[in-house]
Amino acid sequence: MADILVVYYSRTGHTQAMAECIGAAADEVEGAQVTVQPVAEVTADDLLDFDGIIMGSPVYYGTMAAPLKQLIDESVKHHGKLAGRVGGAFSSSGVIGGGNETTLMDIIGCLLVHGMVVKGVTGGPHYGPTCQGDPDENARKCCGEYGRMVAELCVKLFG
């Protein structure tokens, strides 16, 4: 069984909606077991329990929200212990051009420093799902596809 964590920060509920969509789709993959939790309920020690970790944040000044960055900063004590696990990212912003890609790349950069394998996308949003405001039908579709792709990779590697 591949254990996957979808961890997120959300003030407005938009990023939470994305997280729930990603988690629900990933959970449909045979051999995957998914936990969706707000970042306030996750510790750096918890990250060691998962084969895949997908992190999501709204865009704050072109990067991730401080609570998600704090979790990543605290995970430094486990440097090297997450190597080879699967990672992913998603983000939401208030407007088009609001910093989704820079936020995704900041999260992905942190996952790569941990030595994680990051799942990219050949069609659609290449670095992970994004939306502006409340996720619309297209954003929800992208979230679902991403959740399934990450879960399938986790099952191949760890299932």
N, C-alpha and C. Protein backbone atom coordinates (compact mmCIF):
# COMPACT_ATOMS: atom_id res chain seq x y z
N MET A 1 0.85 -1.19 0.00
CA MET A 1 0.00 0.00 0.00
C MET A 1 0.88 1.24 0.00
N ALA A 2 0.61 2.16 -0.90
CA ALA A 2 1.33 3.43 -0.96
C ALA A 2 0.56 4.48 -0.16
N ASP A 3 1.21 5.05 0.83
CA ASP A 3 0.59 6.08 1.67
C ASP A 3 0.93 7.46 1.14
N ILE A 4 -0.10 8.27 0.91
CA ILE A 4 0.06 9.59 0.31
C ILE A 4 -0.57 10.64 1.21
N LEU A 5 0.16 11.73 1.41
CA LEU A 5 -0.33 12.87 2.17
C LEU A 5 -0.58 14.04 1.23
N VAL A 6 -1.76 14.63 1.34
CA VAL A 6 -2.05 15.89 0.68
C VAL A 6 -2.17 16.91 1.80
N VAL A 7 -1.18 17.78 1.90
CA VAL A 7 -1.13 18.77 2.97
C VAL A 7 -1.27 20.15 2.36
N TYR A 8 -2.04 21.02 3.01
CA TYR A 8 -2.34 22.32 2.41
C TYR A 8 -2.54 23.38 3.48
N TYR A 9 -2.43 24.63 3.05
CA TYR A 9 -2.84 25.77 3.85
C TYR A 9 -3.93 26.49 3.06
N SER A 10 -4.98 26.91 3.74
CA SER A 10 -6.08 27.59 3.06
C SER A 10 -6.80 28.52 4.02
N ARG A 11 -6.94 29.78 3.62
CA ARG A 11 -7.73 30.72 4.42
C ARG A 11 -9.13 30.88 3.86
N THR A 12 -9.26 30.86 2.54
CA THR A 12 -10.55 31.12 1.91
C THR A 12 -11.32 29.85 1.58
N GLY A 13 -10.63 28.71 1.62
CA GLY A 13 -11.25 27.44 1.24
C GLY A 13 -10.93 27.01 -0.17
N HIS A 14 -10.34 27.89 -0.98
CA HIS A 14 -10.03 27.53 -2.37
C HIS A 14 -8.95 26.46 -2.45
N THR A 15 -7.89 26.62 -1.71
CA THR A 15 -6.81 25.63 -1.73
C THR A 15 -7.28 24.34 -1.07
N GLN A 16 -8.11 24.45 -0.06
CA GLN A 16 -8.68 23.26 0.58
C GLN A 16 -9.53 22.47 -0.42
N ALA A 17 -10.33 23.16 -1.21
CA ALA A 17 -11.15 22.48 -2.22
C ALA A 17 -10.27 21.73 -3.21
N MET A 18 -9.15 22.34 -3.60
CA MET A 18 -8.22 21.66 -4.50
C MET A 18 -7.64 20.42 -3.83
N ALA A 19 -7.24 20.56 -2.57
CA ALA A 19 -6.65 19.44 -1.83
C ALA A 19 -7.63 18.27 -1.74
N GLU A 20 -8.88 18.57 -1.46
CA GLU A 20 -9.89 17.52 -1.34
C GLU A 20 -10.11 16.82 -2.68
N CYS A 21 -10.09 17.58 -3.76
CA CYS A 21 -10.26 17.00 -5.10
C CYS A 21 -9.07 16.10 -5.44
N ILE A 22 -7.86 16.58 -5.19
CA ILE A 22 -6.64 15.79 -5.44
C ILE A 22 -6.68 14.51 -4.61
N GLY A 23 -7.00 14.65 -3.34
CA GLY A 23 -7.04 13.50 -2.43
C GLY A 23 -8.09 12.48 -2.83
N ALA A 24 -9.27 12.94 -3.20
CA ALA A 24 -10.35 12.01 -3.58
C ALA A 24 -9.96 11.20 -4.81
N ALA A 25 -9.37 11.85 -5.80
CA ALA A 25 -8.96 11.15 -7.02
C ALA A 25 -7.82 10.18 -6.73
N ALA A 26 -6.85 10.61 -5.94
CA ALA A 26 -5.72 9.73 -5.59
C ALA A 26 -6.20 8.51 -4.82
N ASP A 27 -7.19 8.70 -3.97
CA ASP A 27 -7.71 7.61 -3.15
C ASP A 27 -8.44 6.55 -3.98
N GLU A 28 -8.85 6.90 -5.19
CA GLU A 28 -9.53 5.95 -6.08
C GLU A 28 -8.55 4.98 -6.74
N VAL A 29 -7.26 5.29 -6.68
CA VAL A 29 -6.25 4.44 -7.30
C VAL A 29 -6.02 3.22 -6.41
N GLU A 30 -6.17 2.04 -7.01
CA GLU A 30 -5.98 0.81 -6.25
C GLU A 30 -4.55 0.74 -5.72
N GLY A 31 -4.44 0.47 -4.44
CA GLY A 31 -3.13 0.37 -3.80
C GLY A 31 -2.67 1.66 -3.15
N ALA A 32 -3.48 2.70 -3.26
CA ALA A 32 -3.14 3.99 -2.64
C ALA A 32 -4.04 4.25 -1.44
N GLN A 33 -3.43 4.78 -0.41
CA GLN A 33 -4.16 5.19 0.79
C GLN A 33 -3.83 6.65 1.02
N VAL A 34 -4.84 7.52 1.06
CA VAL A 34 -4.62 8.97 1.05
C VAL A 34 -5.12 9.63 2.32
N THR A 35 -4.32 10.55 2.82
CA THR A 35 -4.68 11.40 3.95
C THR A 35 -4.64 12.84 3.46
N VAL A 36 -5.72 13.59 3.70
CA VAL A 36 -5.77 15.01 3.35
C VAL A 36 -5.86 15.78 4.66
N GLN A 37 -4.87 16.67 4.90
CA GLN A 37 -4.84 17.40 6.17
C GLN A 37 -4.37 18.83 5.99
N PRO A 38 -4.96 19.75 6.77
CA PRO A 38 -4.42 21.10 6.78
C PRO A 38 -3.04 21.09 7.43
N VAL A 39 -2.19 22.02 7.03
CA VAL A 39 -0.82 22.04 7.52
C VAL A 39 -0.75 22.18 9.04
N ALA A 40 -1.73 22.81 9.65
CA ALA A 40 -1.73 22.98 11.11
C ALA A 40 -1.80 21.64 11.84
N GLU A 41 -2.23 20.59 11.15
CA GLU A 41 -2.37 19.27 11.77
C GLU A 41 -1.23 18.32 11.40
N VAL A 42 -0.21 18.82 10.73
CA VAL A 42 0.89 17.99 10.25
C VAL A 42 2.20 18.48 10.85
N THR A 43 3.01 17.53 11.35
CA THR A 43 4.33 17.87 11.86
C THR A 43 5.39 17.36 10.89
N ALA A 44 6.59 17.86 11.03
CA ALA A 44 7.69 17.38 10.20
C ALA A 44 7.90 15.88 10.40
N ASP A 45 7.71 15.39 11.61
CA ASP A 45 7.84 13.96 11.87
C ASP A 45 6.82 13.14 11.10
N ASP A 46 5.61 13.70 10.92
CA ASP A 46 4.55 13.00 10.19
C ASP A 46 4.95 12.71 8.75
N LEU A 47 5.76 13.56 8.15
CA LEU A 47 6.14 13.40 6.75
C LEU A 47 6.84 12.07 6.50
N LEU A 48 7.52 11.55 7.50
CA LEU A 48 8.24 10.29 7.37
C LEU A 48 7.31 9.09 7.17
N ASP A 49 6.03 9.26 7.47
CA ASP A 49 5.06 8.16 7.37
C ASP A 49 4.49 7.98 5.97
N PHE A 50 4.90 8.83 5.01
CA PHE A 50 4.26 8.82 3.71
C PHE A 50 5.25 8.56 2.57
N ASP A 51 4.76 7.83 1.57
CA ASP A 51 5.53 7.55 0.36
C ASP A 51 5.41 8.69 -0.65
N GLY A 52 4.32 9.42 -0.59
CA GLY A 52 4.07 10.55 -1.47
C GLY A 52 3.55 11.72 -0.67
N ILE A 53 4.02 12.92 -0.99
CA ILE A 53 3.59 14.13 -0.30
C ILE A 53 3.29 15.19 -1.35
N ILE A 54 2.03 15.64 -1.36
CA ILE A 54 1.60 16.69 -2.28
C ILE A 54 1.26 17.90 -1.43
N MET A 55 1.94 19.03 -1.69
CA MET A 55 1.77 20.23 -0.87
C MET A 55 1.06 21.32 -1.66
N GLY A 56 0.13 22.01 -1.00
CA GLY A 56 -0.61 23.07 -1.65
C GLY A 56 -0.70 24.33 -0.82
N SER A 57 -0.69 25.46 -1.52
CA SER A 57 -0.73 26.76 -0.85
C SER A 57 -1.36 27.81 -1.75
N PRO A 58 -2.03 28.78 -1.13
CA PRO A 58 -2.37 29.97 -1.90
C PRO A 58 -1.08 30.76 -2.14
N VAL A 59 -1.14 31.67 -3.08
CA VAL A 59 0.01 32.52 -3.39
C VAL A 59 -0.01 33.71 -2.44
N TYR A 60 1.08 33.91 -1.74
CA TYR A 60 1.28 35.10 -0.90
C TYR A 60 2.55 35.78 -1.37
N TYR A 61 2.41 36.93 -2.00
CA TYR A 61 3.55 37.70 -2.50
C TYR A 61 4.46 36.86 -3.38
N GLY A 62 3.86 36.04 -4.22
CA GLY A 62 4.61 35.26 -5.20
C GLY A 62 5.20 33.97 -4.69
N THR A 63 4.87 33.58 -3.48
CA THR A 63 5.41 32.34 -2.93
C THR A 63 4.36 31.67 -2.03
N MET A 64 4.77 30.59 -1.39
CA MET A 64 3.84 29.85 -0.53
C MET A 64 3.56 30.59 0.77
N ALA A 65 2.46 30.23 1.39
CA ALA A 65 2.08 30.81 2.68
C ALA A 65 3.05 30.38 3.77
N ALA A 66 3.24 31.23 4.75
CA ALA A 66 4.19 30.99 5.84
C ALA A 66 3.97 29.67 6.57
N PRO A 67 2.72 29.25 6.86
CA PRO A 67 2.56 27.98 7.58
C PRO A 67 3.10 26.76 6.81
N LEU A 68 2.97 26.75 5.49
CA LEU A 68 3.53 25.64 4.71
C LEU A 68 5.05 25.73 4.70
N LYS A 69 5.57 26.93 4.55
CA LYS A 69 7.03 27.11 4.57
C LYS A 69 7.60 26.71 5.93
N GLN A 70 6.85 26.98 7.00
CA GLN A 70 7.31 26.59 8.33
C GLN A 70 7.43 25.07 8.44
N LEU A 71 6.45 24.34 7.92
CA LEU A 71 6.53 22.88 7.92
C LEU A 71 7.77 22.41 7.15
N ILE A 72 8.00 23.01 6.01
CA ILE A 72 9.17 22.65 5.21
C ILE A 72 10.46 22.97 5.97
N ASP A 73 10.49 24.14 6.59
CA ASP A 73 11.69 24.52 7.37
C ASP A 73 11.93 23.54 8.51
N GLU A 74 10.88 23.12 9.18
CA GLU A 74 11.02 22.16 10.28
C GLU A 74 11.43 20.78 9.79
N SER A 75 11.11 20.48 8.52
CA SER A 75 11.46 19.16 7.96
C SER A 75 12.96 19.01 7.71
N VAL A 76 13.71 20.09 7.87
CA VAL A 76 15.16 20.04 7.66
C VAL A 76 15.79 19.00 8.59
N LYS A 77 15.21 18.78 9.75
CA LYS A 77 15.78 17.79 10.68
C LYS A 77 15.71 16.37 10.10
N HIS A 78 14.94 16.18 9.05
CA HIS A 78 14.83 14.87 8.40
C HIS A 78 15.50 14.88 7.02
N HIS A 79 16.40 15.82 6.82
CA HIS A 79 17.07 15.95 5.53
C HIS A 79 17.70 14.61 5.12
N GLY A 80 17.37 14.17 3.91
CA GLY A 80 17.87 12.90 3.39
C GLY A 80 16.93 11.74 3.63
N LYS A 81 16.04 11.86 4.59
CA LYS A 81 15.13 10.75 4.91
C LYS A 81 13.90 10.70 4.01
N LEU A 82 13.67 11.74 3.24
CA LEU A 82 12.54 11.75 2.30
C LEU A 82 13.00 11.47 0.87
N ALA A 83 14.29 11.25 0.70
CA ALA A 83 14.84 11.00 -0.63
C ALA A 83 14.17 9.79 -1.29
N GLY A 84 13.83 9.95 -2.55
CA GLY A 84 13.22 8.87 -3.31
C GLY A 84 11.71 8.79 -3.20
N ARG A 85 11.13 9.53 -2.29
CA ARG A 85 9.67 9.55 -2.19
C ARG A 85 9.10 10.49 -3.25
N VAL A 86 7.81 10.38 -3.50
CA VAL A 86 7.18 11.17 -4.56
C VAL A 86 6.63 12.47 -3.99
N GLY A 87 6.85 13.56 -4.72
CA GLY A 87 6.34 14.85 -4.30
C GLY A 87 5.51 15.51 -5.37
N GLY A 88 4.73 16.48 -4.97
CA GLY A 88 3.92 17.24 -5.90
C GLY A 88 3.47 18.54 -5.26
N ALA A 89 2.95 19.45 -6.09
CA ALA A 89 2.55 20.76 -5.61
C ALA A 89 1.31 21.25 -6.34
N PHE A 90 0.56 22.13 -5.66
CA PHE A 90 -0.58 22.82 -6.26
C PHE A 90 -0.75 24.17 -5.59
N SER A 91 -1.38 25.11 -6.30
CA SER A 91 -1.54 26.45 -5.72
C SER A 91 -2.78 27.14 -6.27
N SER A 92 -3.20 28.14 -5.50
CA SER A 92 -4.32 28.97 -5.92
C SER A 92 -3.94 30.44 -5.74
N SER A 93 -4.49 31.27 -6.61
CA SER A 93 -4.22 32.71 -6.51
C SER A 93 -5.52 33.47 -6.71
N GLY A 94 -5.45 34.77 -6.49
CA GLY A 94 -6.63 35.60 -6.65
C GLY A 94 -6.88 36.03 -8.08
N VAL A 95 -5.83 36.07 -8.89
CA VAL A 95 -5.97 36.55 -10.26
C VAL A 95 -5.05 35.76 -11.19
N ILE A 96 -5.33 35.81 -12.49
CA ILE A 96 -4.41 35.24 -13.49
C ILE A 96 -3.11 36.03 -13.39
N GLY A 97 -2.01 35.32 -13.43
CA GLY A 97 -0.72 36.00 -13.28
C GLY A 97 -0.44 36.36 -11.84
N GLY A 98 -1.15 35.74 -10.93
CA GLY A 98 -1.02 36.06 -9.51
C GLY A 98 0.11 35.36 -8.80
N GLY A 99 0.92 34.58 -9.51
CA GLY A 99 2.07 33.95 -8.89
C GLY A 99 1.97 32.46 -8.69
N ASN A 100 1.02 31.82 -9.35
CA ASN A 100 0.88 30.36 -9.18
C ASN A 100 2.16 29.61 -9.55
N GLU A 101 2.74 29.91 -10.69
CA GLU A 101 3.93 29.15 -11.10
C GLU A 101 5.12 29.39 -10.18
N THR A 102 5.30 30.62 -9.73
CA THR A 102 6.42 30.86 -8.81
C THR A 102 6.20 30.13 -7.49
N THR A 103 4.98 30.07 -7.04
CA THR A 103 4.67 29.33 -5.81
C THR A 103 4.92 27.84 -6.00
N LEU A 104 4.45 27.29 -7.11
CA LEU A 104 4.70 25.88 -7.39
C LEU A 104 6.19 25.58 -7.42
N MET A 105 6.93 26.41 -8.11
CA MET A 105 8.37 26.17 -8.24
C MET A 105 9.09 26.29 -6.89
N ASP A 106 8.62 27.17 -6.01
CA ASP A 106 9.22 27.26 -4.68
C ASP A 106 8.97 25.99 -3.88
N ILE A 107 7.74 25.47 -3.94
CA ILE A 107 7.43 24.22 -3.24
C ILE A 107 8.25 23.08 -3.85
N ILE A 108 8.23 22.99 -5.17
CA ILE A 108 8.96 21.92 -5.87
C ILE A 108 10.45 21.98 -5.55
N GLY A 109 11.01 23.17 -5.51
CA GLY A 109 12.42 23.32 -5.16
C GLY A 109 12.73 22.71 -3.80
N CYS A 110 11.85 22.93 -2.84
CA CYS A 110 12.05 22.36 -1.51
C CYS A 110 11.96 20.84 -1.54
N LEU A 111 11.02 20.30 -2.31
CA LEU A 111 10.89 18.85 -2.43
C LEU A 111 12.13 18.25 -3.07
N LEU A 112 12.66 18.93 -4.07
CA LEU A 112 13.87 18.44 -4.74
C LEU A 112 15.08 18.45 -3.80
N VAL A 113 15.18 19.46 -2.96
CA VAL A 113 16.28 19.51 -1.99
C VAL A 113 16.20 18.31 -1.04
N HIS A 114 14.99 17.87 -0.76
CA HIS A 114 14.80 16.67 0.06
C HIS A 114 15.13 15.40 -0.72
N GLY A 115 15.39 15.51 -2.02
CA GLY A 115 15.71 14.34 -2.83
C GLY A 115 14.48 13.61 -3.32
N MET A 116 13.34 14.29 -3.30
CA MET A 116 12.09 13.65 -3.72
C MET A 116 11.96 13.64 -5.24
N VAL A 117 11.16 12.71 -5.74
CA VAL A 117 10.85 12.60 -7.16
C VAL A 117 9.57 13.39 -7.38
N VAL A 118 9.62 14.42 -8.19
CA VAL A 118 8.47 15.29 -8.41
C VAL A 118 7.78 14.93 -9.72
N LYS A 119 6.48 14.71 -9.63
CA LYS A 119 5.67 14.33 -10.79
C LYS A 119 5.27 15.57 -11.58
N GLY A 120 5.75 15.65 -12.81
CA GLY A 120 5.35 16.72 -13.70
C GLY A 120 4.19 16.27 -14.58
N VAL A 121 3.67 17.19 -15.37
CA VAL A 121 2.51 16.92 -16.23
C VAL A 121 2.85 17.34 -17.65
N THR A 122 2.64 16.45 -18.63
CA THR A 122 2.95 16.79 -20.01
C THR A 122 1.89 17.66 -20.66
N GLY A 123 0.65 17.52 -20.25
CA GLY A 123 -0.43 18.34 -20.79
C GLY A 123 -1.11 19.09 -19.66
N GLY A 124 -1.53 20.31 -19.90
CA GLY A 124 -2.15 21.10 -18.84
C GLY A 124 -1.11 21.83 -18.02
N PRO A 125 -1.43 22.13 -16.77
CA PRO A 125 -0.47 22.85 -15.93
C PRO A 125 0.72 21.93 -15.59
N HIS A 126 1.88 22.22 -16.16
CA HIS A 126 3.03 21.32 -16.12
C HIS A 126 3.60 21.09 -14.73
N TYR A 127 3.52 22.08 -13.86
CA TYR A 127 4.16 21.97 -12.55
C TYR A 127 3.21 21.52 -11.45
N GLY A 128 1.94 21.41 -11.76
CA GLY A 128 0.91 21.03 -10.79
C GLY A 128 -0.32 21.88 -10.99
N PRO A 129 -1.43 21.45 -10.43
CA PRO A 129 -2.70 22.17 -10.63
C PRO A 129 -2.68 23.58 -10.03
N THR A 130 -3.36 24.49 -10.70
CA THR A 130 -3.52 25.85 -10.22
C THR A 130 -4.95 26.30 -10.45
N CYS A 131 -5.33 27.35 -9.76
CA CYS A 131 -6.62 27.98 -10.05
C CYS A 131 -6.57 29.43 -9.60
N GLN A 132 -7.54 30.18 -10.06
CA GLN A 132 -7.73 31.56 -9.62
C GLN A 132 -9.07 31.60 -8.91
N GLY A 133 -9.04 31.93 -7.63
CA GLY A 133 -10.26 31.94 -6.84
C GLY A 133 -10.75 30.52 -6.58
N ASP A 134 -12.05 30.38 -6.50
CA ASP A 134 -12.64 29.07 -6.28
C ASP A 134 -12.37 28.18 -7.49
N PRO A 135 -11.89 26.95 -7.27
CA PRO A 135 -11.57 26.09 -8.42
C PRO A 135 -12.81 25.83 -9.28
N ASP A 136 -12.69 26.14 -10.57
CA ASP A 136 -13.77 25.89 -11.51
C ASP A 136 -13.70 24.44 -11.99
N GLU A 137 -14.56 24.10 -12.93
CA GLU A 137 -14.63 22.72 -13.43
C GLU A 137 -13.29 22.26 -14.02
N ASN A 138 -12.62 23.15 -14.77
CA ASN A 138 -11.34 22.79 -15.37
C ASN A 138 -10.27 22.57 -14.29
N ALA A 139 -10.22 23.43 -13.31
CA ALA A 139 -9.24 23.28 -12.23
C ALA A 139 -9.49 21.98 -11.46
N ARG A 140 -10.75 21.67 -11.21
CA ARG A 140 -11.08 20.43 -10.50
C ARG A 140 -10.67 19.21 -11.33
N LYS A 141 -10.86 19.30 -12.63
CA LYS A 141 -10.44 18.21 -13.52
C LYS A 141 -8.92 18.03 -13.44
N CYS A 142 -8.19 19.13 -13.51
CA CYS A 142 -6.72 19.06 -13.41
C CYS A 142 -6.28 18.51 -12.06
N CYS A 143 -6.96 18.90 -10.99
CA CYS A 143 -6.64 18.38 -9.66
C CYS A 143 -6.86 16.87 -9.61
N GLY A 144 -7.97 16.42 -10.16
CA GLY A 144 -8.26 14.99 -10.17
C GLY A 144 -7.23 14.20 -10.96
N GLU A 145 -6.90 14.70 -12.15
CA GLU A 145 -5.90 14.01 -12.97
C GLU A 145 -4.56 13.97 -12.26
N TYR A 146 -4.18 15.06 -11.61
CA TYR A 146 -2.90 15.11 -10.91
C TYR A 146 -2.87 14.14 -9.73
N GLY A 147 -3.95 14.13 -8.98
CA GLY A 147 -4.04 13.20 -7.85
C GLY A 147 -3.89 11.76 -8.29
N ARG A 148 -4.55 11.41 -9.39
CA ARG A 148 -4.43 10.05 -9.93
C ARG A 148 -3.01 9.75 -10.40
N MET A 149 -2.40 10.70 -11.12
CA MET A 149 -1.04 10.47 -11.64
C MET A 149 -0.03 10.28 -10.51
N VAL A 150 -0.11 11.10 -9.49
CA VAL A 150 0.82 10.97 -8.37
C VAL A 150 0.59 9.65 -7.64
N ALA A 151 -0.67 9.31 -7.44
CA ALA A 151 -0.99 8.05 -6.75
C ALA A 151 -0.51 6.85 -7.56
N GLU A 152 -0.71 6.87 -8.86
CA GLU A 152 -0.25 5.77 -9.70
C GLU A 152 1.27 5.61 -9.63
N LEU A 153 2.00 6.72 -9.62
CA LEU A 153 3.45 6.65 -9.49
C LEU A 153 3.85 6.10 -8.13
N CYS A 154 3.18 6.53 -7.09
CA CYS A 154 3.47 6.04 -5.74
C CYS A 154 3.23 4.54 -5.66
N VAL A 155 2.14 4.07 -6.25
CA VAL A 155 1.83 2.64 -6.22
C VAL A 155 2.90 1.86 -6.99
N LYS A 156 3.33 2.38 -8.13
CA LYS A 156 4.38 1.71 -8.89
C LYS A 156 5.67 1.58 -8.08
N LEU A 157 6.00 2.63 -7.36
CA LEU A 157 7.26 2.66 -6.62
C LEU A 157 7.19 1.98 -5.25
N PHE A 158 6.03 2.08 -4.59
CA PHE A 158 5.95 1.65 -3.19
C PHE A 158 4.83 0.65 -2.89
N GLY A 159 3.93 0.43 -3.87
CA GLY A 159 2.74 -0.38 -3.61
C GLY A 159 2.98 -1.85 -3.50
